[in-house]
PDB file of N, CA and C in Angstrom:
ATOM      1  N   UNK A   1       0.808  -1.194   0.000  1.00  0.00           N
ATOM      2  CA  UNK A   1       0.000   0.000   0.000  1.00  0.00           C
ATOM      3  C   UNK A   1       0.856   1.265   0.000  1.00  0.00           C
ATOM      4  N   UNK A   2       1.969   1.236   0.728  1.00  0.00           N
ATOM      5  CA  UNK A   2       2.830   2.419   0.779  1.00  0.00           C
ATOM      6  C   UNK A   2       3.446   2.710  -0.597  1.00  0.00           C
ATOM      7  N   UNK A   3       3.660   1.667  -1.405  1.00  0.00           N
ATOM      8  CA  UNK A   3       4.197   1.874  -2.745  1.00  0.00           C
ATOM      9  C   UNK A   3       3.202   2.652  -3.610  1.00  0.00           C
ATOM     10  N   UNK A   4       1.932   2.309  -3.517  1.00  0.00           N
ATOM     11  CA  UNK A   4       0.902   3.009  -4.292  1.00  0.00           C
ATOM     12  C   UNK A   4       0.804   4.465  -3.845  1.00  0.00           C
ATOM     13  N   UNK A   5       0.875   4.706  -2.559  1.00  0.00           N
ATOM     14  CA  UNK A   5       0.828   6.082  -2.051  1.00  0.00           C
ATOM     15  C   UNK A   5       2.034   6.865  -2.551  1.00  0.00           C
ATOM     16  N   UNK A   6       3.207   6.243  -2.549  1.00  0.00           N
ATOM     17  CA  UNK A   6       4.416   6.889  -3.067  1.00  0.00           C
ATOM     18  C   UNK A   6       4.248   7.250  -4.540  1.00  0.00           C
ATOM     19  N   UNK A   7       3.714   6.318  -5.324  1.00  0.00           N
ATOM     20  CA  UNK A   7       3.472   6.587  -6.741  1.00  0.00           C
ATOM     21  C   UNK A   7       2.522   7.772  -6.922  1.00  0.00           C
ATOM     22  N   UNK A   8       1.439   7.781  -6.163  1.00  0.00           N
ATOM     23  CA  UNK A   8       0.481   8.884  -6.244  1.00  0.00           C
ATOM     24  C   UNK A   8       1.141  10.212  -5.889  1.00  0.00           C
ATOM     25  N   UNK A   9       1.920  10.239  -4.828  1.00  0.00           N
ATOM     26  CA  UNK A   9       2.547  11.487  -4.388  1.00  0.00           C
ATOM     27  C   UNK A   9       3.546  12.022  -5.411  1.00  0.00           C
ATOM     28  N   UNK A  10       4.374  11.145  -5.960  1.00  0.00           N
ATOM     29  CA  UNK A  10       5.349  11.580  -6.964  1.00  0.00           C
ATOM     30  C   UNK A  10       4.640  12.057  -8.230  1.00  0.00           C
ATOM     31  N   UNK A  11       3.646  11.310  -8.678  1.00  0.00           N
ATOM     32  CA  UNK A  11       2.910  11.677  -9.886  1.00  0.00           C
ATOM     33  C   UNK A  11       2.162  12.992  -9.674  1.00  0.00           C
ATOM     34  N   UNK A  12       1.528  13.155  -8.536  1.00  0.00           N
ATOM     35  CA  UNK A  12       0.823  14.408  -8.233  1.00  0.00           C
ATOM     36  C   UNK A  12       1.799  15.575  -8.163  1.00  0.00           C
ATOM     37  N   UNK A  13       2.972  15.352  -7.600  1.00  0.00           N
ATOM     38  CA  UNK A  13       3.978  16.413  -7.513  1.00  0.00           C
ATOM     39  C   UNK A  13       4.387  16.896  -8.899  1.00  0.00           C
ATOM     40  N   UNK A  14       4.475  15.987  -9.852  1.00  0.00           N
ATOM     41  CA  UNK A  14       4.822  16.380 -11.221  1.00  0.00           C
ATOM     42  C   UNK A  14       3.740  17.279 -11.812  1.00  0.00           C
ATOM     43  N   UNK A  15       2.471  16.922 -11.612  1.00  0.00           N
ATOM     44  CA  UNK A  15       1.359  17.728 -12.135  1.00  0.00           C
ATOM     45  C   UNK A  15       1.358  19.108 -11.485  1.00  0.00           C
ATOM     46  N   UNK A  16       1.547  19.173 -10.172  1.00  0.00           N
ATOM     47  CA  UNK A  16       1.592  20.451  -9.468  1.00  0.00           C
ATOM     48  C   UNK A  16       2.773  21.281  -9.964  1.00  0.00           C
ATOM     49  N   UNK A  17       3.919  20.653 -10.149  1.00  0.00           N
ATOM     50  CA  UNK A  17       5.100  21.358 -10.650  1.00  0.00           C
ATOM     51  C   UNK A  17       4.819  21.993 -12.011  1.00  0.00           C
ATOM     52  N   UNK A  18       4.215  21.245 -12.905  1.00  0.00           N
ATOM     53  CA  UNK A  18       3.900  21.773 -14.231  1.00  0.00           C
ATOM     54  C   UNK A  18       2.952  22.965 -14.123  1.00  0.00           C
ATOM     55  N   UNK A  19       1.914  22.853 -13.311  1.00  0.00           N
ATOM     56  CA  UNK A  19       0.964  23.968 -13.197  1.00  0.00           C
ATOM     57  C   UNK A  19       1.612  25.189 -12.549  1.00  0.00           C
ATOM     58  N   UNK A  20       2.500  24.992 -11.601  1.00  0.00           N
ATOM     59  CA  UNK A  20       3.191  26.120 -10.977  1.00  0.00           C
ATOM     60  C   UNK A  20       4.136  26.805 -11.961  1.00  0.00           C
ATOM     61  N   UNK A  21       4.835  26.025 -12.761  1.00  0.00           N
ATOM     62  CA  UNK A  21       5.713  26.604 -13.784  1.00  0.00           C
ATOM     63  C   UNK A  21       4.881  27.373 -14.800  1.00  0.00           C
ATOM     64  N   UNK A  22       3.739  26.820 -15.202  1.00  0.00           N
ATOM     65  CA  UNK A  22       2.870  27.478 -16.184  1.00  0.00           C
ATOM     66  C   UNK A  22       2.327  28.802 -15.654  1.00  0.00           C
ATOM     67  N   UNK A  23       2.101  28.924 -14.339  1.00  0.00           N
ATOM     68  CA  UNK A  23       1.631  30.193 -13.771  1.00  0.00           C
ATOM     69  C   UNK A  23       2.678  31.290 -13.938  1.00  0.00           C
ATOM     70  N   UNK A  24       3.934  30.913 -13.923  1.00  0.00           N
ATOM     71  CA  UNK A  24       5.009  31.891 -13.978  1.00  0.00           C
ATOM     72  C   UNK A  24       5.466  32.189 -15.403  1.00  0.00           C
ATOM     73  N   UNK A  25       5.363  31.194 -16.284  1.00  0.00           N
ATOM     74  CA  UNK A  25       5.824  31.383 -17.665  1.00  0.00           C
ATOM     75  C   UNK A  25       5.005  30.517 -18.606  1.00  0.00           C
ATOM     76  N   UNK A  26       4.291  31.169 -19.528  1.00  0.00           N
ATOM     77  CA  UNK A  26       3.489  30.425 -20.501  1.00  0.00           C
ATOM     78  C   UNK A  26       4.359  29.496 -21.332  1.00  0.00           C
ATOM     79  N   UNK A  27       5.477  30.014 -21.825  1.00  0.00           N
ATOM     80  CA  UNK A  27       6.336  29.225 -22.712  1.00  0.00           C
ATOM     81  C   UNK A  27       6.992  28.063 -21.982  1.00  0.00           C
ATOM     82  N   UNK A  28       7.575  28.340 -20.832  1.00  0.00           N
ATOM     83  CA  UNK A  28       8.242  27.272 -20.082  1.00  0.00           C
ATOM     84  C   UNK A  28       7.217  26.253 -19.578  1.00  0.00           C
ATOM     85  N   UNK A  29       6.053  26.738 -19.133  1.00  0.00           N
ATOM     86  CA  UNK A  29       4.997  25.834 -18.694  1.00  0.00           C
ATOM     87  C   UNK A  29       4.543  24.927 -19.828  1.00  0.00           C
ATOM     88  N   UNK A  30       4.396  25.505 -21.032  1.00  0.00           N
ATOM     89  CA  UNK A  30       4.024  24.704 -22.198  1.00  0.00           C
ATOM     90  C   UNK A  30       5.084  23.682 -22.548  1.00  0.00           C
ATOM     91  N   UNK A  31       6.340  24.111 -22.467  1.00  0.00           N
ATOM     92  CA  UNK A  31       7.447  23.190 -22.770  1.00  0.00           C
ATOM     93  C   UNK A  31       7.465  22.026 -21.789  1.00  0.00           C
ATOM     94  N   UNK A  32       7.363  22.323 -20.511  1.00  0.00           N
ATOM     95  CA  UNK A  32       7.406  21.257 -19.506  1.00  0.00           C
ATOM     96  C   UNK A  32       6.176  20.353 -19.641  1.00  0.00           C
ATOM     97  N   UNK A  33       5.006  20.951 -19.914  1.00  0.00           N
ATOM     98  CA  UNK A  33       3.787  20.147 -20.088  1.00  0.00           C
ATOM     99  C   UNK A  33       3.888  19.259 -21.319  1.00  0.00           C
ATOM    100  N   UNK A  34       4.606  19.719 -22.344  1.00  0.00           N
ATOM    101  CA  UNK A  34       4.740  18.927 -23.566  1.00  0.00           C
ATOM    102  C   UNK A  34       5.687  17.741 -23.395  1.00  0.00           C
ATOM    103  N   UNK A  35       6.520  17.802 -22.392  1.00  0.00           N
ATOM    104  CA  UNK A  35       7.402  16.664 -22.138  1.00  0.00           C
ATOM    105  C   UNK A  35       6.547  15.472 -21.734  1.00  0.00           C
ATOM    106  N   UNK A  36       6.928  14.308 -22.135  1.00  0.00           N
ATOM    107  CA  UNK A  36       6.117  13.132 -21.801  1.00  0.00           C
ATOM    108  C   UNK A  36       6.355  12.655 -20.362  1.00  0.00           C
ATOM    109  N   UNK A  37       6.133  13.568 -19.411  1.00  0.00           N
ATOM    110  CA  UNK A  37       6.426  13.253 -18.009  1.00  0.00           C
ATOM    111  C   UNK A  37       5.572  12.118 -17.469  1.00  0.00           C
ATOM    112  N   UNK A  38       4.292  12.113 -17.795  1.00  0.00           N
ATOM    113  CA  UNK A  38       3.418  11.050 -17.304  1.00  0.00           C
ATOM    114  C   UNK A  38       3.844   9.710 -17.903  1.00  0.00           C
ATOM    115  N   UNK A  39       4.174   9.719 -19.185  1.00  0.00           N
ATOM    116  CA  UNK A  39       4.617   8.484 -19.828  1.00  0.00           C
ATOM    117  C   UNK A  39       5.932   7.999 -19.227  1.00  0.00           C
ATOM    118  N   UNK A  40       6.844   8.915 -18.997  1.00  0.00           N
ATOM    119  CA  UNK A  40       8.121   8.532 -18.387  1.00  0.00           C
ATOM    120  C   UNK A  40       7.879   7.925 -17.006  1.00  0.00           C
ATOM    121  N   UNK A  41       7.016   8.564 -16.222  1.00  0.00           N
ATOM    122  CA  UNK A  41       6.698   7.998 -14.908  1.00  0.00           C
ATOM    123  C   UNK A  41       6.050   6.625 -15.040  1.00  0.00           C
ATOM    124  N   UNK A  42       5.125   6.492 -15.975  1.00  0.00           N
ATOM    125  CA  UNK A  42       4.463   5.191 -16.161  1.00  0.00           C
ATOM    126  C   UNK A  42       5.476   4.121 -16.562  1.00  0.00           C
ATOM    127  N   UNK A  43       6.413   4.468 -17.445  1.00  0.00           N
ATOM    128  CA  UNK A  43       7.445   3.505 -17.844  1.00  0.00           C
ATOM    129  C   UNK A  43       8.315   3.114 -16.654  1.00  0.00           C
ATOM    130  N   UNK A  44       8.655   4.116 -15.832  1.00  0.00           N
ATOM    131  CA  UNK A  44       9.444   3.828 -14.628  1.00  0.00           C
ATOM    132  C   UNK A  44       8.659   2.912 -13.689  1.00  0.00           C
ATOM    133  N   UNK A  45       7.380   3.241 -13.444  1.00  0.00           N
ATOM    134  CA  UNK A  45       6.571   2.415 -12.540  1.00  0.00           C
ATOM    135  C   UNK A  45       6.458   0.985 -13.076  1.00  0.00           C
ATOM    136  N   UNK A  46       6.228   0.846 -14.387  1.00  0.00           N
ATOM    137  CA  UNK A  46       6.142  -0.499 -14.970  1.00  0.00           C
ATOM    138  C   UNK A  46       7.451  -1.269 -14.771  1.00  0.00           C
ATOM    139  N   UNK A  47       8.583  -0.597 -14.994  1.00  0.00           N
ATOM    140  CA  UNK A  47       9.887  -1.248 -14.850  1.00  0.00           C
ATOM    141  C   UNK A  47      10.146  -1.640 -13.388  1.00  0.00           C
ATOM    142  N   UNK A  48       9.910  -0.695 -12.478  1.00  0.00           N
ATOM    143  CA  UNK A  48      10.155  -0.955 -11.055  1.00  0.00           C
ATOM    144  C   UNK A  48       9.266  -2.089 -10.551  1.00  0.00           C
ATOM    145  N   UNK A  49       8.059  -2.179 -11.121  1.00  0.00           N
ATOM    146  CA  UNK A  49       7.142  -3.239 -10.716  1.00  0.00           C
ATOM    147  C   UNK A  49       7.365  -4.535 -11.494  1.00  0.00           C
ATOM    148  N   UNK A  50       8.509  -4.607 -12.178  1.00  0.00           N
ATOM    149  CA  UNK A  50       8.988  -5.822 -12.848  1.00  0.00           C
ATOM    150  C   UNK A  50       8.047  -6.353 -13.935  1.00  0.00           C
ATOM    151  N   UNK A  51       7.468  -5.407 -14.697  1.00  0.00           N
ATOM    152  CA  UNK A  51       6.682  -5.813 -15.863  1.00  0.00           C
ATOM    153  C   UNK A  51       7.641  -6.277 -16.952  1.00  0.00           C
ATOM    154  N   UNK A  52       7.151  -7.053 -17.884  1.00  0.00           N
ATOM    155  CA  UNK A  52       8.011  -7.580 -18.937  1.00  0.00           C
ATOM    156  C   UNK A  52       8.443  -6.454 -19.874  1.00  0.00           C
ATOM    157  N   UNK A  53       9.624  -6.613 -20.508  1.00  0.00           N
ATOM    158  CA  UNK A  53      10.048  -5.620 -21.497  1.00  0.00           C
ATOM    159  C   UNK A  53       9.006  -5.435 -22.609  1.00  0.00           C
ATOM    160  N   UNK A  54       8.322  -6.514 -22.971  1.00  0.00           N
ATOM    161  CA  UNK A  54       7.289  -6.408 -24.002  1.00  0.00           C
ATOM    162  C   UNK A  54       6.148  -5.499 -23.538  1.00  0.00           C
ATOM    163  N   UNK A  55       5.731  -5.631 -22.298  1.00  0.00           N
ATOM    164  CA  UNK A  55       4.655  -4.808 -21.738  1.00  0.00           C
ATOM    165  C   UNK A  55       5.073  -3.333 -21.720  1.00  0.00           C
ATOM    166  N   UNK A  56       6.299  -3.067 -21.314  1.00  0.00           N
ATOM    167  CA  UNK A  56       6.815  -1.695 -21.253  1.00  0.00           C
ATOM    168  C   UNK A  56       6.920  -1.108 -22.667  1.00  0.00           C
ATOM    169  N   UNK A  57       7.443  -1.886 -23.587  1.00  0.00           N
ATOM    170  CA  UNK A  57       7.565  -1.431 -24.976  1.00  0.00           C
ATOM    171  C   UNK A  57       6.197  -1.167 -25.602  1.00  0.00           C
ATOM    172  N   UNK A  58       5.231  -2.042 -25.323  1.00  0.00           N
ATOM    173  CA  UNK A  58       3.879  -1.844 -25.842  1.00  0.00           C
ATOM    174  C   UNK A  58       3.268  -0.550 -25.311  1.00  0.00           C
ATOM    175  N   UNK A  59       3.535  -0.252 -24.052  1.00  0.00           N
ATOM    176  CA  UNK A  59       3.013   0.987 -23.491  1.00  0.00           C
ATOM    177  C   UNK A  59       3.556   2.193 -24.262  1.00  0.00           C
ATOM    178  N   UNK A  60       4.850   2.213 -24.510  1.00  0.00           N
ATOM    179  CA  UNK A  60       5.455   3.325 -25.262  1.00  0.00           C
ATOM    180  C   UNK A  60       4.905   3.379 -26.688  1.00  0.00           C
ATOM    181  N   UNK A  61       4.769   2.211 -27.324  1.00  0.00           N
ATOM    182  CA  UNK A  61       4.266   2.133 -28.697  1.00  0.00           C
ATOM    183  C   UNK A  61       2.853   2.716 -28.810  1.00  0.00           C
ATOM    184  N   UNK A  62       1.963   2.252 -27.957  1.00  0.00           N
ATOM    185  CA  UNK A  62       0.581   2.734 -28.017  1.00  0.00           C
ATOM    186  C   UNK A  62       0.460   4.186 -27.578  1.00  0.00           C
ATOM    187  N   UNK A  63       1.287   4.624 -26.647  1.00  0.00           N
ATOM    188  CA  UNK A  63       1.262   6.032 -26.246  1.00  0.00           C
ATOM    189  C   UNK A  63       1.546   6.924 -27.447  1.00  0.00           C
ATOM    190  N   UNK A  64       2.526   6.549 -28.264  1.00  0.00           N
ATOM    191  CA  UNK A  64       2.819   7.331 -29.469  1.00  0.00           C
ATOM    192  C   UNK A  64       1.575   7.476 -30.328  1.00  0.00           C
ATOM    193  N   UNK A  65       0.928   6.373 -30.620  1.00  0.00           N
ATOM    194  CA  UNK A  65      -0.226   6.400 -31.510  1.00  0.00           C
ATOM    195  C   UNK A  65      -1.417   7.125 -30.894  1.00  0.00           C
ATOM    196  N   UNK A  66      -1.551   7.104 -29.575  1.00  0.00           N
ATOM    197  CA  UNK A  66      -2.661   7.796 -28.925  1.00  0.00           C
ATOM    198  C   UNK A  66      -2.409   9.302 -28.800  1.00  0.00           C
ATOM    199  N   UNK A  67      -1.164   9.719 -28.828  1.00  0.00           N
ATOM    200  CA  UNK A  67      -0.852  11.153 -28.740  1.00  0.00           C
ATOM    201  C   UNK A  67      -1.224  11.879 -30.036  1.00  0.00           C
ATOM    202  N   UNK A  68      -0.972  11.266 -31.165  1.00  0.00           N
ATOM    203  CA  UNK A  68      -1.177  11.929 -32.459  1.00  0.00           C
ATOM    204  C   UNK A  68      -2.579  12.536 -32.596  1.00  0.00           C
ATOM    205  N   UNK A  69      -3.658  11.795 -32.324  1.00  0.00           N
ATOM    206  CA  UNK A  69      -4.982  12.405 -32.508  1.00  0.00           C
ATOM    207  C   UNK A  69      -5.358  13.445 -31.447  1.00  0.00           C
ATOM    208  N   UNK A  70      -4.538  13.618 -30.412  1.00  0.00           N
ATOM    209  CA  UNK A  70      -4.832  14.660 -29.425  1.00  0.00           C
ATOM    210  C   UNK A  70      -4.309  16.028 -29.870  1.00  0.00           C
ATOM    211  N   UNK A  71      -3.419  16.059 -30.827  1.00  0.00           N
ATOM    212  CA  UNK A  71      -2.774  17.316 -31.214  1.00  0.00           C
ATOM    213  C   UNK A  71      -3.738  18.389 -31.712  1.00  0.00           C
ATOM    214  N   UNK A  72      -4.774  18.063 -32.515  1.00  0.00           N
ATOM    215  CA  UNK A  72      -5.696  19.129 -32.950  1.00  0.00           C
ATOM    216  C   UNK A  72      -6.368  19.865 -31.784  1.00  0.00           C
ATOM    217  N   UNK A  73      -6.566  19.199 -30.678  1.00  0.00           N
ATOM    218  CA  UNK A  73      -7.168  19.846 -29.515  1.00  0.00           C
ATOM    219  C   UNK A  73      -6.334  21.022 -29.045  1.00  0.00           C
ATOM    220  N   UNK A  74      -5.021  20.903 -29.123  1.00  0.00           N
ATOM    221  CA  UNK A  74      -4.145  21.975 -28.656  1.00  0.00           C
ATOM    222  C   UNK A  74      -4.196  23.197 -29.566  1.00  0.00           C
ATOM    223  N   UNK A  75      -4.637  23.016 -30.786  1.00  0.00           N
ATOM    224  CA  UNK A  75      -4.860  24.154 -31.675  1.00  0.00           C
ATOM    225  C   UNK A  75      -6.260  24.734 -31.481  1.00  0.00           C
ATOM    226  N   UNK A  76      -7.239  23.873 -31.285  1.00  0.00           N
ATOM    227  CA  UNK A  76      -8.626  24.322 -31.124  1.00  0.00           C
ATOM    228  C   UNK A  76      -8.842  25.028 -29.787  1.00  0.00           C
ATOM    229  N   UNK A  77      -8.215  24.552 -28.722  1.00  0.00           N
ATOM    230  CA  UNK A  77      -8.458  25.102 -27.394  1.00  0.00           C
ATOM    231  C   UNK A  77      -8.208  26.607 -27.324  1.00  0.00           C
ATOM    232  N   UNK A  78      -7.019  27.093 -27.701  1.00  0.00           N
ATOM    233  CA  UNK A  78      -6.811  28.540 -27.589  1.00  0.00           C
ATOM    234  C   UNK A  78      -7.730  29.352 -28.514  1.00  0.00           C
ATOM    235  N   UNK A  79      -8.078  28.790 -29.648  1.00  0.00           N
ATOM    236  CA  UNK A  79      -8.960  29.488 -30.575  1.00  0.00           C
ATOM    237  C   UNK A  79     -10.374  29.592 -30.013  1.00  0.00           C
ATOM    238  N   UNK A  80     -10.848  28.527 -29.385  1.00  0.00           N
ATOM    239  CA  UNK A  80     -12.209  28.505 -28.840  1.00  0.00           C
ATOM    240  C   UNK A  80     -12.346  29.250 -27.516  1.00  0.00           C
ATOM    241  N   UNK A  81     -11.294  29.292 -26.731  1.00  0.00           N
ATOM    242  CA  UNK A  81     -11.376  29.795 -25.356  1.00  0.00           C
ATOM    243  C   UNK A  81     -11.987  31.187 -25.259  1.00  0.00           C
ATOM    244  N   UNK A  82     -11.527  32.113 -26.068  1.00  0.00           N
ATOM    245  CA  UNK A  82     -12.061  33.469 -26.016  1.00  0.00           C
ATOM    246  C   UNK A  82     -13.453  33.593 -26.623  1.00  0.00           C
ATOM    247  N   UNK A  83     -13.890  32.592 -27.347  1.00  0.00           N
ATOM    248  CA  UNK A  83     -15.178  32.646 -28.041  1.00  0.00           C
ATOM    249  C   UNK A  83     -16.324  32.008 -27.255  1.00  0.00           C
ATOM    250  N   UNK A  84     -16.051  30.897 -26.576  1.00  0.00           N
ATOM    251  CA  UNK A  84     -17.160  30.178 -25.930  1.00  0.00           C
ATOM    252  C   UNK A  84     -16.931  29.916 -24.441  1.00  0.00           C
ATOM    253  N   UNK A  85     -15.865  30.423 -23.852  1.00  0.00           N
ATOM    254  CA  UNK A  85     -15.610  30.241 -22.426  1.00  0.00           C
ATOM    255  C   UNK A  85     -14.872  28.945 -22.115  1.00  0.00           C
ATOM    256  N   UNK A  86     -14.376  28.881 -20.874  1.00  0.00           N
ATOM    257  CA  UNK A  86     -13.500  27.776 -20.493  1.00  0.00           C
ATOM    258  C   UNK A  86     -14.189  26.416 -20.533  1.00  0.00           C
ATOM    259  N   UNK A  87     -15.324  26.274 -19.833  1.00  0.00           N
ATOM    260  CA  UNK A  87     -15.938  24.952 -19.710  1.00  0.00           C
ATOM    261  C   UNK A  87     -16.457  24.439 -21.040  1.00  0.00           C
ATOM    262  N   UNK A  88     -17.021  25.324 -21.845  1.00  0.00           N
ATOM    263  CA  UNK A  88     -17.489  24.916 -23.174  1.00  0.00           C
ATOM    264  C   UNK A  88     -16.308  24.537 -24.063  1.00  0.00           C
ATOM    265  N   UNK A  89     -15.223  25.294 -23.935  1.00  0.00           N
ATOM    266  CA  UNK A  89     -14.020  24.969 -24.699  1.00  0.00           C
ATOM    267  C   UNK A  89     -13.462  23.624 -24.278  1.00  0.00           C
ATOM    268  N   UNK A  90     -13.452  23.366 -22.990  1.00  0.00           N
ATOM    269  CA  UNK A  90     -12.956  22.080 -22.495  1.00  0.00           C
ATOM    270  C   UNK A  90     -13.822  20.936 -23.021  1.00  0.00           C
ATOM    271  N   UNK A  91     -15.128  21.097 -22.977  1.00  0.00           N
ATOM    272  CA  UNK A  91     -16.037  20.072 -23.496  1.00  0.00           C
ATOM    273  C   UNK A  91     -15.843  19.881 -24.996  1.00  0.00           C
ATOM    274  N   UNK A  92     -15.744  20.978 -25.730  1.00  0.00           N
ATOM    275  CA  UNK A  92     -15.526  20.896 -27.184  1.00  0.00           C
ATOM    276  C   UNK A  92     -14.197  20.208 -27.480  1.00  0.00           C
ATOM    277  N   UNK A  93     -13.193  20.478 -26.676  1.00  0.00           N
ATOM    278  CA  UNK A  93     -11.879  19.855 -26.874  1.00  0.00           C
ATOM    279  C   UNK A  93     -11.946  18.351 -26.679  1.00  0.00           C
ATOM    280  N   UNK A  94     -12.735  17.914 -25.705  1.00  0.00           N
ATOM    281  CA  UNK A  94     -12.923  16.473 -25.487  1.00  0.00           C
ATOM    282  C   UNK A  94     -13.598  15.851 -26.709  1.00  0.00           C
ATOM    283  N   UNK A  95     -14.644  16.507 -27.206  1.00  0.00           N
ATOM    284  CA  UNK A  95     -15.359  15.996 -28.382  1.00  0.00           C
ATOM    285  C   UNK A  95     -14.426  15.962 -29.599  1.00  0.00           C
ATOM    286  N   UNK A  96     -13.655  17.022 -29.792  1.00  0.00           N
ATOM    287  CA  UNK A  96     -12.705  17.081 -30.911  1.00  0.00           C
ATOM    288  C   UNK A  96     -11.698  15.939 -30.804  1.00  0.00           C
ATOM    289  N   UNK A  97     -11.183  15.716 -29.596  1.00  0.00           N
ATOM    290  CA  UNK A  97     -10.193  14.654 -29.393  1.00  0.00           C
ATOM    291  C   UNK A  97     -10.790  13.283 -29.672  1.00  0.00           C
ATOM    292  N   UNK A  98     -11.995  13.038 -29.191  1.00  0.00           N
ATOM    293  CA  UNK A  98     -12.645  11.745 -29.433  1.00  0.00           C
ATOM    294  C   UNK A  98     -12.876  11.536 -30.927  1.00  0.00           C
ATOM    295  N   UNK A  99     -13.360  12.572 -31.604  1.00  0.00           N
ATOM    296  CA  UNK A  99     -13.602  12.464 -33.050  1.00  0.00           C
ATOM    297  C   UNK A  99     -12.295  12.214 -33.806  1.00  0.00           C
ATOM    298  N   UNK A 100     -11.250  12.962 -33.451  1.00  0.00           N
ATOM    299  CA  UNK A 100      -9.951  12.778 -34.120  1.00  0.00           C
ATOM    300  C   UNK A 100      -9.399  11.384 -33.845  1.00  0.00           C
ATOM    301  N   UNK A 101      -9.558  10.917 -32.609  1.00  0.00           N
ATOM    302  CA  UNK A 101      -9.078   9.586 -32.277  1.00  0.00           C
ATOM    303  C   UNK A 101      -9.796   8.533 -33.102  1.00  0.00           C
ATOM    304  N   UNK A 102     -11.109   8.632 -33.190  1.00  0.00           N
ATOM    305  CA  UNK A 102     -11.903   7.656 -33.936  1.00  0.00           C
ATOM    306  C   UNK A 102     -11.494   7.643 -35.406  1.00  0.00           C
ATOM    307  N   UNK A 103     -11.377   8.821 -36.022  1.00  0.00           N
ATOM    308  CA  UNK A 103     -10.968   8.920 -37.432  1.00  0.00           C
ATOM    309  C   UNK A 103      -9.551   8.370 -37.607  1.00  0.00           C
ATOM    310  N   UNK A 104      -8.659   8.740 -36.692  1.00  0.00           N
ATOM    311  CA  UNK A 104      -7.271   8.290 -36.768  1.00  0.00           C
ATOM    312  C   UNK A 104      -7.174   6.772 -36.628  1.00  0.00           C
ATOM    313  N   UNK A 105      -7.949   6.199 -35.702  1.00  0.00           N
ATOM    314  CA  UNK A 105      -7.922   4.742 -35.495  1.00  0.00           C
ATOM    315  C   UNK A 105      -8.371   4.014 -36.756  1.00  0.00           C
ATOM    316  N   UNK A 106      -9.394   4.545 -37.415  1.00  0.00           N
ATOM    317  CA  UNK A 106      -9.846   3.935 -38.673  1.00  0.00           C
ATOM    318  C   UNK A 106      -8.755   4.049 -39.737  1.00  0.00           C
ATOM    319  N   UNK A 107      -8.096   5.198 -39.797  1.00  0.00           N
ATOM    320  CA  UNK A 107      -7.042   5.417 -40.791  1.00  0.00           C
ATOM    321  C   UNK A 107      -5.850   4.480 -40.583  1.00  0.00           C
ATOM    322  N   UNK A 108      -5.341   4.389 -39.354  1.00  0.00           N
ATOM    323  CA  UNK A 108      -4.139   3.571 -39.124  1.00  0.00           C
ATOM    324  C   UNK A 108      -4.423   2.079 -39.176  1.00  0.00           C
ATOM    325  N   UNK A 109      -5.703   1.700 -39.052  1.00  0.00           N
ATOM    326  CA  UNK A 109      -6.065   0.287 -39.176  1.00  0.00           C
ATOM    327  C   UNK A 109      -5.633  -0.253 -40.544  1.00  0.00           C
ATOM    328  N   UNK A 110      -5.661   0.604 -41.565  1.00  0.00           N
ATOM    329  CA  UNK A 110      -5.229   0.214 -42.915  1.00  0.00           C
ATOM    330  C   UNK A 110      -3.767  -0.209 -42.939  1.00  0.00           C
ATOM    331  N   UNK A 111      -2.993   0.235 -41.952  1.00  0.00           N
ATOM    332  CA  UNK A 111      -1.574  -0.100 -41.897  1.00  0.00           C
ATOM    333  C   UNK A 111      -1.284  -1.166 -40.855  1.00  0.00           C
ATOM    334  N   UNK A 112      -2.319  -1.815 -40.358  1.00  0.00           N
ATOM    335  CA  UNK A 112      -2.149  -2.907 -39.404  1.00  0.00           C
ATOM    336  C   UNK A 112      -2.004  -2.484 -37.964  1.00  0.00           C
ATOM    337  N   UNK A 113      -2.322  -1.227 -37.658  1.00  0.00           N
ATOM    338  CA  UNK A 113      -2.226  -0.738 -36.282  1.00  0.00           C
ATOM    339  C   UNK A 113      -3.625  -0.690 -35.688  1.00  0.00           C
ATOM    340  N   UNK A 114      -3.854  -1.523 -34.672  1.00  0.00           N
ATOM    341  CA  UNK A 114      -5.164  -1.634 -34.037  1.00  0.00           C
ATOM    342  C   UNK A 114      -5.204  -0.803 -32.768  1.00  0.00           C
ATOM    343  N   UNK A 115      -5.941   0.306 -32.793  1.00  0.00           N
ATOM    344  CA  UNK A 115      -6.045   1.160 -31.608  1.00  0.00           C
ATOM    345  C   UNK A 115      -7.360   0.959 -30.874  1.00  0.00           C
ATOM    346  N   UNK A 116      -8.369   0.476 -31.559  1.00  0.00           N
ATOM    347  CA  UNK A 116      -9.681   0.246 -30.920  1.00  0.00           C
ATOM    348  C   UNK A 116      -9.917  -1.231 -30.732  1.00  0.00           C
TER     349      UNK A 116
END
């Protein structure tokens, strides 16, 4: 149980760190947020918990493919924010991401990559 609490505390500290940096500098906050910190932590946790190399590699592989369809949201969010407000923009961003993911999953299926 203490291991899970440690994981939660370290992971939460990373999220808080990113938000604190973003409060002070838009550019640096964006740069740090763009780093795959959550993925790096997940890979570390998988390794420390003695998961197989195949399991760890699969996590990195699928993370790559799942990141691609999220990118349009980062363009839509700032454009929508001043027009429809924060919560509506957040909801629209979720819908945009889901739609992009669905379209992307259908597209990459042609190349033998199964995301759904």
